[in-house]
N, C-alpha and C. Protein backbone atom coordinates (compact mmCIF):
# COMPACT_ATOMS: atom_id res chain seq x y z
N UNK A 1 8.96 15.42 23.87
CA UNK A 1 10.38 15.05 23.15
C UNK A 1 10.89 16.20 22.65
N UNK A 2 11.85 16.85 22.57
CA UNK A 2 12.26 17.95 21.80
C UNK A 2 13.15 17.23 20.97
N UNK A 3 13.40 18.22 19.57
CA UNK A 3 13.97 18.23 18.55
C UNK A 3 14.99 18.28 18.74
N UNK A 4 16.19 17.74 18.14
CA UNK A 4 17.66 18.10 18.05
C UNK A 4 18.07 18.59 16.75
N UNK A 5 19.30 19.02 16.54
CA UNK A 5 19.74 20.04 15.15
C UNK A 5 20.58 19.53 15.83
N UNK A 6 21.12 19.46 14.33
CA UNK A 6 23.00 19.43 14.14
C UNK A 6 23.77 20.63 14.99
N UNK A 7 24.85 20.31 15.69
CA UNK A 7 25.89 21.05 15.98
C UNK A 7 25.53 21.02 17.47
N UNK A 8 24.01 20.49 17.90
CA UNK A 8 23.67 20.71 19.77
C UNK A 8 24.00 19.73 20.27
N UNK A 9 24.64 20.08 21.63
CA UNK A 9 25.55 18.79 22.72
C UNK A 9 24.23 18.64 23.17
N UNK A 10 24.23 17.13 23.04
CA UNK A 10 23.40 16.22 24.05
C UNK A 10 24.64 15.10 24.29
N UNK A 11 23.60 14.40 25.42
CA UNK A 11 24.01 13.25 25.79
C UNK A 11 23.09 11.93 25.44
N UNK A 12 23.84 10.31 25.78
CA UNK A 12 22.85 10.14 25.95
C UNK A 12 23.86 8.62 26.40
N UNK A 13 22.59 8.30 27.52
CA UNK A 13 22.85 7.68 28.96
C UNK A 13 22.20 6.19 27.45
N UNK A 14 23.55 5.23 28.13
CA UNK A 14 22.57 3.39 27.45
C UNK A 14 22.91 2.46 28.82
N UNK A 15 21.28 1.55 28.15
CA UNK A 15 21.52 0.04 29.35
C UNK A 15 20.46 -1.04 28.15
N UNK A 16 21.76 -1.89 28.72
CA UNK A 16 21.21 -2.87 28.71
C UNK A 16 20.06 -3.29 28.88
N UNK A 17 18.57 -3.40 28.68
CA UNK A 17 17.47 -3.77 28.84
C UNK A 17 16.86 -5.33 29.09
N UNK A 18 17.61 -6.28 27.85
CA UNK A 18 17.51 -7.66 28.35
C UNK A 18 18.33 -8.05 26.93
N UNK A 19 18.14 -9.75 27.60
CA UNK A 19 19.34 -10.07 26.76
C UNK A 19 19.11 -11.80 27.18
N UNK A 20 18.80 -12.17 25.84
CA UNK A 20 17.94 -13.48 25.88
C UNK A 20 18.97 -14.86 24.86
N UNK A 21 18.70 -15.96 24.17
CA UNK A 21 19.64 -17.09 23.67
C UNK A 21 21.08 -16.63 22.87
N UNK A 22 20.34 -15.52 21.81
CA UNK A 22 20.14 -15.12 20.44
C UNK A 22 20.48 -13.41 20.65
N UNK A 23 19.73 -12.86 21.50
CA UNK A 23 19.95 -11.52 21.03
C UNK A 23 19.77 -10.55 22.78
N UNK A 24 20.56 -9.66 21.92
CA UNK A 24 20.07 -8.20 23.18
C UNK A 24 19.72 -6.89 23.30
N UNK A 25 18.92 -6.67 23.92
CA UNK A 25 18.55 -5.61 23.58
C UNK A 25 18.92 -4.03 24.43
N UNK A 26 19.59 -3.20 23.81
CA UNK A 26 20.01 -1.58 24.80
C UNK A 26 18.46 -1.02 24.23
N UNK A 27 17.79 -0.26 25.35
CA UNK A 27 16.96 1.23 25.71
C UNK A 27 18.15 2.36 25.87
N UNK A 28 17.88 3.27 24.98
CA UNK A 28 19.10 4.85 25.24
C UNK A 28 18.49 5.43 25.39
N UNK A 29 18.74 6.71 26.19
CA UNK A 29 17.88 8.07 26.02
C UNK A 29 19.16 9.39 24.97
N UNK A 30 18.51 10.23 24.15
CA UNK A 30 18.85 10.92 24.19
C UNK A 30 18.69 12.97 24.32
N UNK A 31 19.18 12.95 25.59
CA UNK A 31 18.96 14.24 26.44
C UNK A 31 19.00 15.68 26.37
N UNK A 32 18.82 16.39 26.32
CA UNK A 32 20.01 17.77 26.32
C UNK A 32 19.39 18.02 27.40
N UNK A 33 18.35 19.24 27.61
CA UNK A 33 17.91 20.05 29.11
C UNK A 33 16.78 18.70 29.45
N UNK A 34 16.29 18.03 28.07
CA UNK A 34 15.01 16.77 28.25
C UNK A 34 15.58 16.06 28.12
N UNK A 35 14.26 15.45 27.85
CA UNK A 35 14.72 14.07 27.00
C UNK A 35 14.67 14.06 25.32
N UNK A 36 14.79 13.98 24.57
CA UNK A 36 14.60 14.19 22.95
C UNK A 36 14.50 13.65 21.96
N UNK A 37 14.84 12.18 22.77
CA UNK A 37 14.01 10.67 22.06
C UNK A 37 15.12 9.38 22.46
N UNK A 38 14.22 8.90 22.97
CA UNK A 38 14.04 7.45 23.45
C UNK A 38 14.33 6.69 22.35
N UNK A 39 15.33 5.49 22.30
CA UNK A 39 15.41 4.49 21.64
C UNK A 39 15.68 2.77 21.60
N UNK A 40 15.73 2.11 21.27
CA UNK A 40 15.66 1.05 21.93
C UNK A 40 16.50 -0.21 20.40
N UNK A 41 17.21 -0.82 20.31
CA UNK A 41 18.41 -1.19 19.66
C UNK A 41 18.10 -2.93 20.13
N UNK A 42 17.69 -3.90 18.95
CA UNK A 42 18.03 -5.44 19.81
C UNK A 42 19.32 -5.93 18.20
N UNK A 43 20.27 -6.59 18.99
CA UNK A 43 20.77 -7.02 18.50
C UNK A 43 20.97 -8.34 18.55
N UNK A 44 21.43 -8.81 17.05
CA UNK A 44 20.91 -10.57 17.19
C UNK A 44 22.40 -11.22 16.58
N UNK A 45 22.61 -12.38 16.99
CA UNK A 45 23.82 -12.95 17.05
C UNK A 45 24.14 -14.23 15.46
N UNK A 46 24.83 -13.84 15.00
CA UNK A 46 24.25 -14.77 13.67
C UNK A 46 25.92 -15.49 13.26
N UNK A 47 25.30 -16.16 12.55
CA UNK A 47 27.01 -17.47 12.11
C UNK A 47 27.22 -16.02 10.48
N UNK A 48 28.06 -15.90 10.14
CA UNK A 48 28.15 -15.16 9.16
C UNK A 48 27.72 -15.66 7.07
N UNK A 49 28.11 -17.31 7.74
CA UNK A 49 28.06 -17.75 6.56
C UNK A 49 26.54 -18.48 6.14
N UNK A 50 26.08 -18.76 7.11
CA UNK A 50 24.90 -19.39 7.23
C UNK A 50 23.50 -18.42 7.27
N UNK A 51 24.04 -17.40 7.59
CA UNK A 51 22.65 -15.65 7.37
C UNK A 51 22.25 -16.61 8.83
N UNK A 52 22.16 -17.52 9.70
CA UNK A 52 21.26 -17.43 10.54
C UNK A 52 22.06 -17.63 12.10
N UNK A 53 20.56 -16.97 12.71
CA UNK A 53 20.35 -16.43 14.37
C UNK A 53 21.61 -18.04 15.26
N UNK A 54 22.34 -17.32 15.58
CA UNK A 54 22.81 -17.86 17.05
C UNK A 54 23.14 -17.94 18.58
N UNK A 55 23.61 -18.87 19.04
CA UNK A 55 23.12 -18.25 21.04
C UNK A 55 24.55 -17.27 20.84
N UNK A 56 24.35 -16.67 21.90
CA UNK A 56 25.11 -15.51 21.54
C UNK A 56 26.54 -16.01 22.84
N UNK A 57 27.90 -15.90 22.20
CA UNK A 57 29.18 -16.31 22.39
C UNK A 57 29.36 -16.01 24.31
N UNK A 58 29.83 -17.30 24.73
CA UNK A 58 29.81 -17.31 26.04
C UNK A 58 30.72 -16.76 26.40
N UNK A 59 31.20 -15.41 26.15
CA UNK A 59 32.62 -14.48 26.25
C UNK A 59 31.59 -13.30 26.52
N UNK A 60 31.05 -13.73 25.98
CA UNK A 60 29.79 -12.36 25.17
C UNK A 60 28.76 -12.44 26.52
N UNK A 61 28.03 -13.63 26.62
CA UNK A 61 27.67 -13.36 27.69
C UNK A 61 27.32 -13.28 28.64
N UNK A 62 29.24 -14.26 29.16
CA UNK A 62 28.94 -13.85 30.48
C UNK A 62 29.56 -12.90 30.98
N UNK A 63 29.91 -11.65 29.95
CA UNK A 63 30.18 -10.50 30.48
C UNK A 63 28.26 -9.59 30.73
N UNK A 64 27.64 -9.81 29.56
CA UNK A 64 26.26 -9.87 29.46
C UNK A 64 25.73 -10.09 31.43
N UNK A 65 25.53 -11.17 32.55
CA UNK A 65 25.18 -11.30 32.85
C UNK A 65 25.95 -10.37 34.08
N UNK A 66 26.74 -9.90 33.77
CA UNK A 66 27.46 -9.34 35.18
C UNK A 66 26.91 -7.19 34.96
N UNK A 67 26.31 -7.43 34.40
CA UNK A 67 26.10 -6.00 33.96
C UNK A 67 24.24 -6.32 34.64
């Protein structure tokens, strides 16, 4: 993998890797001419007040199922 320096142009490709009852995982590839970095992010849906995870809202879930 290559280093990325400030000011260099690069491209980010993102895709939905998976989703479950309360989370979704995104995989990203940062590249210039070659791959510079692989990124995995997990987004967990939670209730603000209770600070506990919740099921993915149906409107979001229906969009995820289309991907």
